[in-house]
């Protein structure tokens, strides 16, 4: 079943230059884009004094790391060969890849972990990231590097890890952010006073009996 789905997704590869180009770029550059997203997110929280953004970026980084560690354990327990290894000549390979374990997908784990944490802090931006994570996952199958089950399992792992970190382990993430803030201060780097994105000046009150 998984191979039939892989064939349905991978089948058009090599026959549509524009679509091939989109999928190759999404599959190959997606990882760098999500890394840049986390770095930029943290820098915004640092420079502008938004503690929730600093915690969110740190949580996203930890979520991706934990998800990748889980992948390593699963990959060693079940070293599933990649589609182009198991079915030589039946898979259109558009992007070169090593022959390491195919299951689960590292790219999907990291992309969904980061995106789900972003949803918890910035809903609209997070949903856009989720759409790109889905495109990245689809592209990894399209270019012949994964089975659909690989990316689906990776997406589930990344999502579950992210949800755990933003709920049960949020106090721990606050502590990690505070540790990072202390390191910034120890290095004598500027760290603006924390402020909320929603902070706004309070409306002036009308005092009864005031001069008119």
C-alpha atoms as a PDB file:
ATOM      1  CA  UNK A   1       0.000   0.000   0.000  1.00  0.00           C
ATOM      2  CA  UNK A   2       2.772   2.431   0.953  1.00  0.00           C
ATOM      3  CA  UNK A   3       4.656   1.703  -2.261  1.00  0.00           C
ATOM      4  CA  UNK A   4       1.501   2.161  -4.359  1.00  0.00           C
ATOM      5  CA  UNK A   5       1.007   5.603  -2.799  1.00  0.00           C
ATOM      6  CA  UNK A   6       4.675   6.373  -3.382  1.00  0.00           C
ATOM      7  CA  UNK A   7       4.266   5.419  -7.031  1.00  0.00           C
ATOM      8  CA  UNK A   8       1.190   7.633  -7.379  1.00  0.00           C
ATOM      9  CA  UNK A   9       3.047  10.650  -5.920  1.00  0.00           C
ATOM     10  CA  UNK A  10       6.412   9.931  -7.542  1.00  0.00           C
ATOM     11  CA  UNK A  11       4.952   8.875 -10.896  1.00  0.00           C
ATOM     12  CA  UNK A  12       4.819  12.372 -12.478  1.00  0.00           C
ATOM     13  CA  UNK A  13       8.449  13.089 -11.483  1.00  0.00           C
ATOM     14  CA  UNK A  14      10.672  13.734 -14.474  1.00  0.00           C
ATOM     15  CA  UNK A  15       7.788  14.572 -16.798  1.00  0.00           C
ATOM     16  CA  UNK A  16       6.841  18.095 -15.678  1.00  0.00           C
ATOM     17  CA  UNK A  17       9.857  20.440 -15.532  1.00  0.00           C
ATOM     18  CA  UNK A  18       8.119  23.247 -13.623  1.00  0.00           C
ATOM     19  CA  UNK A  19       6.650  20.883 -11.027  1.00  0.00           C
ATOM     20  CA  UNK A  20       9.933  18.991 -10.782  1.00  0.00           C
ATOM     21  CA  UNK A  21      11.799  22.229 -10.099  1.00  0.00           C
ATOM     22  CA  UNK A  22       9.324  23.245  -7.371  1.00  0.00           C
ATOM     23  CA  UNK A  23       9.529  19.879  -5.647  1.00  0.00           C
ATOM     24  CA  UNK A  24      13.315  19.642  -5.855  1.00  0.00           C
ATOM     25  CA  UNK A  25      13.692  23.112  -4.345  1.00  0.00           C
ATOM     26  CA  UNK A  26      11.153  22.376  -1.598  1.00  0.00           C
ATOM     27  CA  UNK A  27      12.814  19.049  -0.770  1.00  0.00           C
ATOM     28  CA  UNK A  28      16.369  20.395  -0.788  1.00  0.00           C
ATOM     29  CA  UNK A  29      15.955  23.905   0.668  1.00  0.00           C
ATOM     30  CA  UNK A  30      13.185  23.219   3.166  1.00  0.00           C
ATOM     31  CA  UNK A  31      15.576  22.268   5.955  1.00  0.00           C
ATOM     32  CA  UNK A  32      17.595  25.490   5.591  1.00  0.00           C
ATOM     33  CA  UNK A  33      14.403  27.564   5.515  1.00  0.00           C
ATOM     34  CA  UNK A  34      13.180  26.100   8.807  1.00  0.00           C
ATOM     35  CA  UNK A  35      16.591  26.638  10.425  1.00  0.00           C
ATOM     36  CA  UNK A  36      16.523  30.262   9.271  1.00  0.00           C
ATOM     37  CA  UNK A  37      12.989  30.564  10.640  1.00  0.00           C
ATOM     38  CA  UNK A  38      14.059  29.485  14.124  1.00  0.00           C
ATOM     39  CA  UNK A  39      17.145  31.731  14.110  1.00  0.00           C
ATOM     40  CA  UNK A  40      15.174  34.741  12.883  1.00  0.00           C
ATOM     41  CA  UNK A  41      12.418  34.063  15.402  1.00  0.00           C
ATOM     42  CA  UNK A  42      14.878  34.035  18.293  1.00  0.00           C
ATOM     43  CA  UNK A  43      16.635  37.184  17.075  1.00  0.00           C
ATOM     44  CA  UNK A  44      13.322  39.049  16.884  1.00  0.00           C
ATOM     45  CA  UNK A  45      12.489  37.989  20.423  1.00  0.00           C
ATOM     46  CA  UNK A  46      15.944  39.042  21.587  1.00  0.00           C
ATOM     47  CA  UNK A  47      16.259  42.411  19.828  1.00  0.00           C
ATOM     48  CA  UNK A  48      12.673  43.506  20.484  1.00  0.00           C
ATOM     49  CA  UNK A  49      12.400  42.147  24.015  1.00  0.00           C
ATOM     50  CA  UNK A  50       9.680  39.550  23.442  1.00  0.00           C
ATOM     51  CA  UNK A  51      10.183  36.707  25.957  1.00  0.00           C
ATOM     52  CA  UNK A  52       7.475  34.523  24.417  1.00  0.00           C
ATOM     53  CA  UNK A  53       9.284  34.619  21.081  1.00  0.00           C
ATOM     54  CA  UNK A  54      12.611  33.706  22.658  1.00  0.00           C
ATOM     55  CA  UNK A  55      10.968  30.804  24.467  1.00  0.00           C
ATOM     56  CA  UNK A  56       9.107  29.784  21.313  1.00  0.00           C
ATOM     57  CA  UNK A  57      12.241  29.673  19.177  1.00  0.00           C
ATOM     58  CA  UNK A  58      14.127  27.722  21.843  1.00  0.00           C
ATOM     59  CA  UNK A  59      11.196  25.317  22.208  1.00  0.00           C
ATOM     60  CA  UNK A  60      11.041  24.817  18.437  1.00  0.00           C
ATOM     61  CA  UNK A  61      14.770  24.036  18.352  1.00  0.00           C
ATOM     62  CA  UNK A  62      14.491  21.576  21.242  1.00  0.00           C
ATOM     63  CA  UNK A  63      11.388  19.995  19.694  1.00  0.00           C
ATOM     64  CA  UNK A  64      13.199  19.399  16.408  1.00  0.00           C
ATOM     65  CA  UNK A  65      16.195  17.967  18.267  1.00  0.00           C
ATOM     66  CA  UNK A  66      14.131  15.611  20.414  1.00  0.00           C
ATOM     67  CA  UNK A  67      12.165  14.481  17.366  1.00  0.00           C
ATOM     68  CA  UNK A  68      15.372  13.722  15.479  1.00  0.00           C
ATOM     69  CA  UNK A  69      16.700  11.705  18.429  1.00  0.00           C
ATOM     70  CA  UNK A  70      13.499   9.657  18.441  1.00  0.00           C
ATOM     71  CA  UNK A  71      13.967   9.122  14.710  1.00  0.00           C
ATOM     72  CA  UNK A  72      17.458   7.795  15.286  1.00  0.00           C
ATOM     73  CA  UNK A  73      16.180   5.236  17.786  1.00  0.00           C
ATOM     74  CA  UNK A  74      13.415   4.101  15.436  1.00  0.00           C
ATOM     75  CA  UNK A  75      15.751   4.064  12.437  1.00  0.00           C
ATOM     76  CA  UNK A  76      18.204   1.794  14.228  1.00  0.00           C
ATOM     77  CA  UNK A  77      15.407  -0.507  15.374  1.00  0.00           C
ATOM     78  CA  UNK A  78      13.968  -0.746  11.850  1.00  0.00           C
ATOM     79  CA  UNK A  79      16.373   0.279   9.108  1.00  0.00           C
ATOM     80  CA  UNK A  80      13.813   0.553   6.322  1.00  0.00           C
ATOM     81  CA  UNK A  81      15.549   0.964   2.936  1.00  0.00           C
ATOM     82  CA  UNK A  82      14.629   3.932   0.790  1.00  0.00           C
ATOM     83  CA  UNK A  83      12.228   3.418  -2.133  1.00  0.00           C
ATOM     84  CA  UNK A  84      14.931   3.688  -4.796  1.00  0.00           C
ATOM     85  CA  UNK A  85      16.929   0.997  -2.974  1.00  0.00           C
ATOM     86  CA  UNK A  86      14.070  -1.476  -2.516  1.00  0.00           C
ATOM     87  CA  UNK A  87      12.586  -0.856  -5.970  1.00  0.00           C
ATOM     88  CA  UNK A  88      15.478  -0.032  -8.326  1.00  0.00           C
ATOM     89  CA  UNK A  89      14.339   1.201 -11.699  1.00  0.00           C
ATOM     90  CA  UNK A  90      10.759   1.794 -10.484  1.00  0.00           C
ATOM     91  CA  UNK A  91      11.329   5.101  -8.666  1.00  0.00           C
ATOM     92  CA  UNK A  92      12.111   8.390 -10.379  1.00  0.00           C
ATOM     93  CA  UNK A  93      14.983   9.868  -8.331  1.00  0.00           C
ATOM     94  CA  UNK A  94      15.271  13.639  -8.741  1.00  0.00           C
ATOM     95  CA  UNK A  95      17.451  14.367  -5.726  1.00  0.00           C
ATOM     96  CA  UNK A  96      20.519  12.447  -4.673  1.00  0.00           C
ATOM     97  CA  UNK A  97      20.413  10.951  -1.191  1.00  0.00           C
ATOM     98  CA  UNK A  98      22.370   8.502   0.925  1.00  0.00           C
ATOM     99  CA  UNK A  99      21.024   5.006   1.430  1.00  0.00           C
ATOM    100  CA  UNK A 100      20.467   5.417   5.184  1.00  0.00           C
ATOM    101  CA  UNK A 101      17.168   4.492   6.845  1.00  0.00           C
ATOM    102  CA  UNK A 102      14.070   5.933   5.213  1.00  0.00           C
ATOM    103  CA  UNK A 103      11.734   5.652   8.206  1.00  0.00           C
ATOM    104  CA  UNK A 104      10.802   8.067   9.706  1.00  0.00           C
ATOM    105  CA  UNK A 105      11.595  11.219   7.722  1.00  0.00           C
ATOM    106  CA  UNK A 106      13.970  13.597   9.548  1.00  0.00           C
ATOM    107  CA  UNK A 107      12.813  16.516   7.421  1.00  0.00           C
ATOM    108  CA  UNK A 108       9.154  15.957   8.302  1.00  0.00           C
ATOM    109  CA  UNK A 109       9.909  15.576  12.022  1.00  0.00           C
ATOM    110  CA  UNK A 110      11.836  18.837  12.270  1.00  0.00           C
ATOM    111  CA  UNK A 111       9.494  20.817  10.006  1.00  0.00           C
ATOM    112  CA  UNK A 112       6.338  19.836  11.882  1.00  0.00           C
ATOM    113  CA  UNK A 113       7.898  20.239  15.328  1.00  0.00           C
ATOM    114  CA  UNK A 114       8.947  23.805  14.493  1.00  0.00           C
ATOM    115  CA  UNK A 115       5.643  24.647  12.789  1.00  0.00           C
ATOM    116  CA  UNK A 116       3.446  23.369  15.628  1.00  0.00           C
ATOM    117  CA  UNK A 117       5.404  25.366  18.205  1.00  0.00           C
ATOM    118  CA  UNK A 118       5.049  28.440  15.978  1.00  0.00           C
ATOM    119  CA  UNK A 119       1.277  27.879  15.819  1.00  0.00           C
ATOM    120  CA  UNK A 120       1.177  27.979  19.636  1.00  0.00           C
ATOM    121  CA  UNK A 121       2.768  31.450  19.663  1.00  0.00           C
ATOM    122  CA  UNK A 122       1.749  33.008  16.324  1.00  0.00           C
ATOM    123  CA  UNK A 123      -1.268  31.240  14.885  1.00  0.00           C
ATOM    124  CA  UNK A 124      -1.288  32.705  11.359  1.00  0.00           C
ATOM    125  CA  UNK A 125       2.451  32.409  10.785  1.00  0.00           C
ATOM    126  CA  UNK A 126       2.339  28.914  12.266  1.00  0.00           C
ATOM    127  CA  UNK A 127      -0.344  27.754   9.850  1.00  0.00           C
ATOM    128  CA  UNK A 128       1.709  29.087   6.917  1.00  0.00           C
ATOM    129  CA  UNK A 129       4.681  27.131   8.267  1.00  0.00           C
ATOM    130  CA  UNK A 130       2.501  24.026   8.535  1.00  0.00           C
ATOM    131  CA  UNK A 131       1.506  24.383   4.884  1.00  0.00           C
ATOM    132  CA  UNK A 132       5.157  24.595   3.906  1.00  0.00           C
ATOM    133  CA  UNK A 133       5.971  21.605   6.136  1.00  0.00           C
ATOM    134  CA  UNK A 134       3.277  19.642   4.289  1.00  0.00           C
ATOM    135  CA  UNK A 135       4.738  20.733   0.920  1.00  0.00           C
ATOM    136  CA  UNK A 136       8.217  19.746   2.070  1.00  0.00           C
ATOM    137  CA  UNK A 137       6.971  16.316   3.171  1.00  0.00           C
ATOM    138  CA  UNK A 138       5.115  15.752  -0.107  1.00  0.00           C
ATOM    139  CA  UNK A 139       8.203  16.846  -2.039  1.00  0.00           C
ATOM    140  CA  UNK A 140      10.390  14.305  -0.215  1.00  0.00           C
ATOM    141  CA  UNK A 141       8.128  11.560  -1.585  1.00  0.00           C
ATOM    142  CA  UNK A 142       7.849  13.170  -5.026  1.00  0.00           C
ATOM    143  CA  UNK A 143      11.628  13.250  -5.541  1.00  0.00           C
ATOM    144  CA  UNK A 144      11.911   9.564  -4.603  1.00  0.00           C
ATOM    145  CA  UNK A 145      13.584   9.825  -1.196  1.00  0.00           C
ATOM    146  CA  UNK A 146      10.737   8.570   1.007  1.00  0.00           C
ATOM    147  CA  UNK A 147       7.557   6.546   1.232  1.00  0.00           C
ATOM    148  CA  UNK A 148       4.392   8.414   2.304  1.00  0.00           C
ATOM    149  CA  UNK A 149       4.434   6.453   5.559  1.00  0.00           C
ATOM    150  CA  UNK A 150       7.903   7.834   6.330  1.00  0.00           C
ATOM    151  CA  UNK A 151       6.838  11.466   6.157  1.00  0.00           C
ATOM    152  CA  UNK A 152       3.461  10.845   7.813  1.00  0.00           C
ATOM    153  CA  UNK A 153       5.120   9.148  10.782  1.00  0.00           C
ATOM    154  CA  UNK A 154       7.729  11.898  10.953  1.00  0.00           C
ATOM    155  CA  UNK A 155       4.995  14.543  10.950  1.00  0.00           C
ATOM    156  CA  UNK A 156       3.190  12.751  13.794  1.00  0.00           C
ATOM    157  CA  UNK A 157       6.374  12.473  15.869  1.00  0.00           C
ATOM    158  CA  UNK A 158       7.232  16.140  15.371  1.00  0.00           C
ATOM    159  CA  UNK A 159       3.689  17.231  16.202  1.00  0.00           C
ATOM    160  CA  UNK A 160       3.451  15.132  19.367  1.00  0.00           C
ATOM    161  CA  UNK A 161       6.840  16.290  20.647  1.00  0.00           C
ATOM    162  CA  UNK A 162       5.939  19.935  19.988  1.00  0.00           C
ATOM    163  CA  UNK A 163       2.559  19.610  21.728  1.00  0.00           C
ATOM    164  CA  UNK A 164       4.220  18.031  24.763  1.00  0.00           C
ATOM    165  CA  UNK A 165       6.760  20.852  24.998  1.00  0.00           C
ATOM    166  CA  UNK A 166       4.225  23.690  24.738  1.00  0.00           C
ATOM    167  CA  UNK A 167       1.889  22.119  27.314  1.00  0.00           C
ATOM    168  CA  UNK A 168       3.365  19.736  29.883  1.00  0.00           C
ATOM    169  CA  UNK A 169       6.948  20.973  29.576  1.00  0.00           C
ATOM    170  CA  UNK A 170       6.326  24.712  29.167  1.00  0.00           C
ATOM    171  CA  UNK A 171       7.743  25.511  32.663  1.00  0.00           C
ATOM    172  CA  UNK A 172      10.934  23.711  31.634  1.00  0.00           C
ATOM    173  CA  UNK A 173      11.052  25.761  28.425  1.00  0.00           C
ATOM    174  CA  UNK A 174      10.690  28.951  30.489  1.00  0.00           C
ATOM    175  CA  UNK A 175      13.641  27.804  32.583  1.00  0.00           C
ATOM    176  CA  UNK A 176      15.758  27.139  29.494  1.00  0.00           C
ATOM    177  CA  UNK A 177      14.901  30.601  28.133  1.00  0.00           C
ATOM    178  CA  UNK A 178      15.900  32.162  31.458  1.00  0.00           C
ATOM    179  CA  UNK A 179      19.224  30.287  31.298  1.00  0.00           C
ATOM    180  CA  UNK A 180      19.824  31.604  27.777  1.00  0.00           C
ATOM    181  CA  UNK A 181      18.981  35.129  28.952  1.00  0.00           C
ATOM    182  CA  UNK A 182      21.511  34.808  31.769  1.00  0.00           C
ATOM    183  CA  UNK A 183      24.181  33.712  29.291  1.00  0.00           C
ATOM    184  CA  UNK A 184      23.408  36.755  27.120  1.00  0.00           C
ATOM    185  CA  UNK A 185      23.839  39.035  30.137  1.00  0.00           C
ATOM    186  CA  UNK A 186      27.022  37.276  31.253  1.00  0.00           C
ATOM    187  CA  UNK A 187      28.467  37.951  27.805  1.00  0.00           C
ATOM    188  CA  UNK A 188      27.569  41.645  28.327  1.00  0.00           C
ATOM    189  CA  UNK A 189      25.326  41.619  25.282  1.00  0.00           C
ATOM    190  CA  UNK A 190      22.313  43.932  25.152  1.00  0.00           C
ATOM    191  CA  UNK A 191      18.995  42.410  26.208  1.00  0.00           C
ATOM    192  CA  UNK A 192      16.011  44.780  26.140  1.00  0.00           C
ATOM    193  CA  UNK A 193      13.553  44.669  29.010  1.00  0.00           C
ATOM    194  CA  UNK A 194      10.861  42.085  28.448  1.00  0.00           C
ATOM    195  CA  UNK A 195       7.620  43.402  27.048  1.00  0.00           C
ATOM    196  CA  UNK A 196       4.482  41.875  25.638  1.00  0.00           C
ATOM    197  CA  UNK A 197       3.469  42.148  21.994  1.00  0.00           C
ATOM    198  CA  UNK A 198      -0.004  43.095  23.143  1.00  0.00           C
ATOM    199  CA  UNK A 199       1.183  45.889  25.442  1.00  0.00           C
ATOM    200  CA  UNK A 200      -0.415  49.219  24.644  1.00  0.00           C
ATOM    201  CA  UNK A 201      -0.803  52.468  26.581  1.00  0.00           C
ATOM    202  CA  UNK A 202      -3.835  52.434  28.834  1.00  0.00           C
ATOM    203  CA  UNK A 203      -6.641  54.764  27.761  1.00  0.00           C
ATOM    204  CA  UNK A 204      -6.889  57.981  29.720  1.00  0.00           C
ATOM    205  CA  UNK A 205      -9.479  57.870  32.459  1.00  0.00           C
ATOM    206  CA  UNK A 206     -12.152  60.525  32.818  1.00  0.00           C
ATOM    207  CA  UNK A 207     -12.193  61.830  36.369  1.00  0.00           C
ATOM    208  CA  UNK A 208     -15.641  62.926  37.566  1.00  0.00           C
ATOM    209  CA  UNK A 209     -15.686  66.616  38.330  1.00  0.00           C
ATOM    210  CA  UNK A 210     -12.602  67.372  36.287  1.00  0.00           C
ATOM    211  CA  UNK A 211     -12.424  70.742  34.624  1.00  0.00           C
ATOM    212  CA  UNK A 212     -14.063  70.867  31.233  1.00  0.00           C
END
